Protein backbone atom coordinates (compact mmCIF):
# COMPACT_ATOMS: atom_id res chain seq x y z
CA MET A 1 114.03 79.46 136.54
CA SER A 2 116.80 78.82 134.44
CA SER A 3 119.56 81.58 134.98
CA THR A 4 120.42 81.08 131.13
CA PHE A 5 120.39 79.59 128.09
CA THR A 6 123.22 79.17 125.08
CA LEU A 7 122.72 79.71 121.27
CA VAL A 8 124.96 78.15 119.00
CA ASP A 9 127.07 80.95 117.83
CA SER A 10 127.31 84.30 117.03
CA LEU A 11 125.55 84.58 114.24
CA ALA A 12 122.16 82.93 115.75
CA LEU A 13 122.95 85.87 118.38
CA GLY A 14 122.88 88.23 115.73
CA ASP A 15 119.67 86.83 114.63
CA LEU A 16 118.17 87.09 117.81
CA HIS A 17 119.37 90.43 118.61
CA VAL A 18 117.62 92.17 115.26
CA PHE A 19 114.38 90.33 115.98
CA LEU A 20 114.21 91.91 119.84
CA GLY A 21 115.23 95.15 117.97
CA ARG A 22 112.25 95.04 115.92
CA ALA A 23 110.08 93.73 118.45
CA VAL A 24 110.79 96.33 120.61
CA ARG A 25 109.45 98.78 118.34
CA VAL A 26 106.02 97.37 117.75
CA GLU A 27 105.50 96.80 121.79
CA ASP A 28 108.33 97.44 124.16
CA GLY A 29 106.60 94.98 126.65
CA SER A 30 107.62 91.44 127.58
CA VAL A 31 108.99 88.54 125.62
CA ARG A 32 107.83 84.98 126.11
CA LEU A 33 110.80 82.17 125.91
CA ILE A 34 109.96 78.70 125.62
CA ALA A 35 112.83 75.98 125.29
CA GLY A 36 112.74 72.42 125.02
CA SER A 37 114.44 69.55 122.93
CA GLY A 38 117.44 71.95 121.71
CA VAL A 39 115.02 74.93 120.33
CA LEU A 40 114.27 78.30 122.32
CA ALA A 41 110.98 79.39 120.85
CA VAL A 42 110.78 83.48 121.19
CA TYR A 43 107.38 85.12 120.92
CA VAL A 44 106.42 88.78 121.26
CA SER A 45 103.22 89.93 121.32
CA VAL A 46 102.01 93.14 118.54
CA LEU A 47 98.41 92.82 119.22
CA HIS A 48 96.26 91.57 122.18
CA PRO A 49 93.19 92.48 123.96
CA SER A 50 93.27 94.83 126.94
CA GLY A 51 90.28 93.10 128.60
CA LEU A 52 86.86 91.07 128.72
CA LEU A 53 85.39 93.79 126.78
CA ASP A 54 88.15 94.41 124.14
CA GLU A 55 87.81 92.46 120.72
CA SER A 56 91.22 92.78 119.48
CA PRO A 57 92.40 89.11 118.57
CA THR A 58 95.37 88.15 119.94
CA VAL A 59 98.56 88.44 117.19
CA LEU A 60 102.09 86.91 118.26
CA GLY A 61 105.41 86.77 115.76
CA LEU A 62 107.50 84.03 116.71
CA ARG A 63 111.27 82.84 115.82
CA THR A 64 113.26 79.93 116.82
CA PHE A 65 116.51 79.77 117.56
CA ALA A 66 119.08 76.45 117.92
CA LEU A 67 120.61 75.68 121.11
CA ALA A 68 123.69 74.46 122.15
CA SER A 69 123.77 71.43 124.69
CA SER A 70 122.67 72.84 128.10
CA GLY A 71 125.16 73.87 130.69
CA PRO A 72 124.55 72.34 135.13
CA ASP A 73 123.03 75.84 135.16
CA GLU A 74 120.63 75.40 132.57
CA PRO A 75 117.42 72.69 132.58
CA ASP A 76 115.83 71.00 129.41
CA ALA A 77 113.07 73.20 129.54
CA PHE A 78 111.91 76.46 130.62
CA ASP A 79 108.77 78.66 130.11
CA VAL A 80 109.77 82.01 131.61
CA VAL A 81 108.65 86.13 130.54
CA VAL A 82 110.99 88.89 130.53
CA PRO A 83 111.22 92.57 129.74
CA VAL A 84 111.95 92.69 125.63
CA ARG A 85 114.32 95.69 126.24
CA SER A 86 116.51 93.66 129.74
CA LEU A 87 117.22 91.16 127.10
CA LEU A 88 117.86 93.60 124.06
CA MET A 89 120.61 95.03 126.34
CA ARG A 90 121.93 91.86 127.38
CA VAL A 91 122.48 90.33 124.16
CA GLU A 92 123.86 93.68 122.54
CA GLY A 93 126.35 93.77 125.47
CA LEU A 94 127.49 89.85 123.85
CA LEU A 95 127.24 90.73 120.64
CA GLN A 96 130.22 93.57 121.37
CA ALA A 97 132.21 90.76 122.73
CA ALA A 98 131.20 87.99 120.50
CA ALA A 99 132.67 90.22 117.60
CA ALA A 100 136.37 89.78 118.50
CA ALA A 101 135.79 85.91 119.24
CA ASP A 102 135.24 82.61 116.77
CA VAL A 103 132.07 83.11 115.47
CA ALA A 104 131.82 79.61 115.77
CA GLU A 105 131.98 79.34 119.00
CA PRO A 106 128.53 78.64 121.58
CA ILE A 107 127.21 82.08 123.33
CA VAL A 108 126.00 81.92 126.93
CA VAL A 109 123.15 84.50 127.68
CA THR A 110 121.93 85.41 131.07
CA ILE A 111 117.93 85.92 131.20
CA PRO A 112 116.63 88.78 132.50
CA MET A 113 114.51 88.76 135.82
CA GLU A 114 111.20 87.09 134.70
CA VAL A 115 107.34 89.24 134.85
CA ASN A 116 104.68 87.44 136.37
CA SER A 117 101.94 89.76 135.13
CA VAL A 118 101.67 89.44 130.99
CA SER A 119 97.74 88.63 130.23
CA TRP A 120 98.81 87.44 126.56
CA ALA A 121 101.75 84.84 128.11
CA ALA A 122 99.31 82.78 129.42
CA ILE A 123 97.55 81.91 126.03
CA SER A 124 99.71 78.90 124.36
CA PRO A 125 99.30 77.81 120.66
CA PRO A 126 99.10 74.52 119.90
CA ARG A 127 102.04 72.33 119.23
CA GLY A 128 100.36 70.05 116.71
CA GLY A 129 97.46 69.37 114.85
CA TRP A 130 98.24 72.42 112.24
CA LYS A 131 95.73 71.97 109.21
CA PRO A 132 97.14 73.46 106.01
CA MET A 133 95.18 76.56 103.97
CA PRO A 134 95.24 77.70 100.78
CA SER A 135 98.69 79.80 100.70
CA THR A 136 99.52 83.72 99.97
CA GLN A 137 102.30 86.05 99.06
CA TRP A 138 104.03 87.99 100.85
CA ASP A 139 102.66 91.09 98.59
CA VAL A 140 98.94 90.52 99.69
CA LEU A 141 100.60 90.89 103.27
CA ASP A 142 102.67 94.08 102.49
CA ALA A 143 99.89 96.09 101.09
CA VAL A 144 97.55 95.22 104.06
CA ALA A 145 100.14 96.11 106.39
CA ARG A 146 101.26 99.87 104.81
CA LYS A 147 98.19 100.49 103.92
CA GLY A 148 97.02 99.76 108.00
CA ILE A 149 100.09 101.95 108.93
CA ASP A 150 98.64 104.78 106.73
CA GLU A 151 95.31 104.54 108.06
CA VAL A 152 96.98 104.27 112.02
CA ALA A 153 99.10 107.78 111.26
CA THR A 154 96.37 109.41 109.57
CA ALA A 155 93.45 108.89 112.37
CA ILE A 156 95.96 109.12 116.03
CA PRO A 157 96.88 112.98 115.86
CA SER A 158 99.84 113.57 118.26
CA GLY A 159 98.87 113.85 121.84
CA THR A 160 95.87 111.74 121.36
CA GLY A 161 95.26 109.40 124.75
CA GLU A 162 96.27 105.97 125.14
CA GLN A 163 92.10 104.52 124.99
CA ILE A 164 91.89 106.58 121.79
CA VAL A 165 94.87 105.12 119.89
CA HIS A 166 94.42 101.26 121.62
CA ARG A 167 90.48 101.75 120.01
CA VAL A 168 91.85 102.85 116.65
CA ARG A 169 94.65 100.51 116.40
CA THR A 170 92.11 97.47 117.47
CA GLU A 171 89.41 98.82 114.22
CA ILE A 172 92.44 99.18 112.03
CA TRP A 173 94.20 95.72 113.19
CA GLY A 174 91.26 93.82 113.44
CA ARG A 175 89.97 93.69 110.37
CA PRO A 176 89.90 90.65 108.19
CA ILE A 177 92.31 90.58 104.97
CA ASP A 178 90.25 90.05 101.85
CA GLY A 179 90.50 86.62 100.87
CA LEU A 180 91.87 84.75 103.98
CA ASP A 181 89.95 83.42 106.40
CA PHE A 182 89.98 85.06 109.77
CA VAL A 183 93.27 86.59 109.15
CA PRO A 184 93.58 89.93 110.93
CA ALA A 185 95.38 92.60 108.93
CA GLY A 186 97.33 92.57 112.37
CA ALA A 187 98.72 89.57 111.05
CA ALA A 188 100.18 91.22 108.27
CA PHE A 189 101.46 93.78 110.13
CA ALA A 190 103.13 91.41 112.29
CA ALA A 191 104.76 89.93 109.86
CA LEU A 192 105.44 93.23 107.68
CA SER A 193 107.24 94.58 111.24
CA LEU A 194 109.00 91.66 112.80
CA GLY A 195 111.32 91.18 109.45
CA PHE A 196 109.03 88.01 108.57
CA LEU A 197 108.08 88.98 104.70
CA GLY A 198 110.88 89.15 101.83
CA GLU A 199 110.42 89.80 98.05
CA GLY A 200 108.88 86.49 95.87
CA ASP A 201 108.04 84.74 99.70
CA THR A 202 105.14 82.51 99.71
CA VAL A 203 103.49 82.49 103.17
CA SER A 204 102.11 79.73 104.45
CA ILE A 205 98.55 79.33 105.98
CA TYR A 206 97.80 76.22 108.78
CA GLU A 207 94.44 76.41 111.16
CA SER A 208 94.28 74.66 114.36
CA GLY A 209 91.13 75.67 116.56
CA PRO A 210 90.83 79.03 117.39
CA TRP A 211 94.18 79.59 116.07
CA THR A 212 95.87 80.49 112.50
CA ARG A 213 99.55 80.37 111.76
CA LEU A 214 101.44 82.45 108.92
CA THR A 215 104.72 80.96 108.18
CA THR A 216 107.29 82.40 105.80
CA LYS A 217 111.19 80.82 105.82
CA ARG A 218 112.27 84.20 108.36
CA GLY A 219 109.55 83.23 111.14
CA HIS A 220 105.50 82.45 112.39
CA VAL A 221 102.72 84.62 113.23
CA LEU A 222 100.22 83.49 115.36
CA VAL A 223 96.81 84.82 115.66
CA LYS A 224 93.83 83.34 117.83
CA ARG A 225 90.70 84.74 116.80
CA ARG A 226 87.95 85.96 119.21
CA ALA A 227 85.34 83.62 120.29
CA TRP A 228 82.33 85.48 118.51
CA THR A 229 84.35 85.09 115.17
CA LEU A 230 84.81 81.45 115.83
CA ALA A 231 81.13 80.81 114.03
CA ARG A 232 81.25 80.29 110.29
């Protein structure tokens, strides 16, 4: 696997730091890094099934970053899954060093040791074939997410077992959003938690097979529906 990737400047490094910091508060697990054609795609899981009988949708957050020209130790393309906290710590260390350097200088990031047993990372959203659907506004998702957060907090007292916590989260975040076909409340939670919603933003929506994508100028939320929800 590649041992490093190179971001174009410290501003991009700062954006990656913010995204990873938000991601680790939602799901302190792994992050998938896919590089190709001068772009780094960073995926994090916000919600995913824990087994065959789990009815949770798969909800992923995605940010993309421009890459500088690859060096001899950087192949043009790679696809790896690494611990999000390990990558965050490396980015934080580089930010401290970059504070005294030229902001326009490329930043080389060392990739942590790869993780091999992450089920959601084996599911790849399509790269093409996206069909535009009616859009929505940021405040619709914001209201759904905040209502769900309050419901989760009320329904899960301290000391509750992991299985009960997962069941409650699945029930609340798996519910469809009124007026948005096949978009679960978990997509709104992902958009809010990962910092993709800004006041006045229009949220574009696209579909491709079992996938739905919600896009703002700050990032993307990708939802893969469970098989039983595909019938219209």
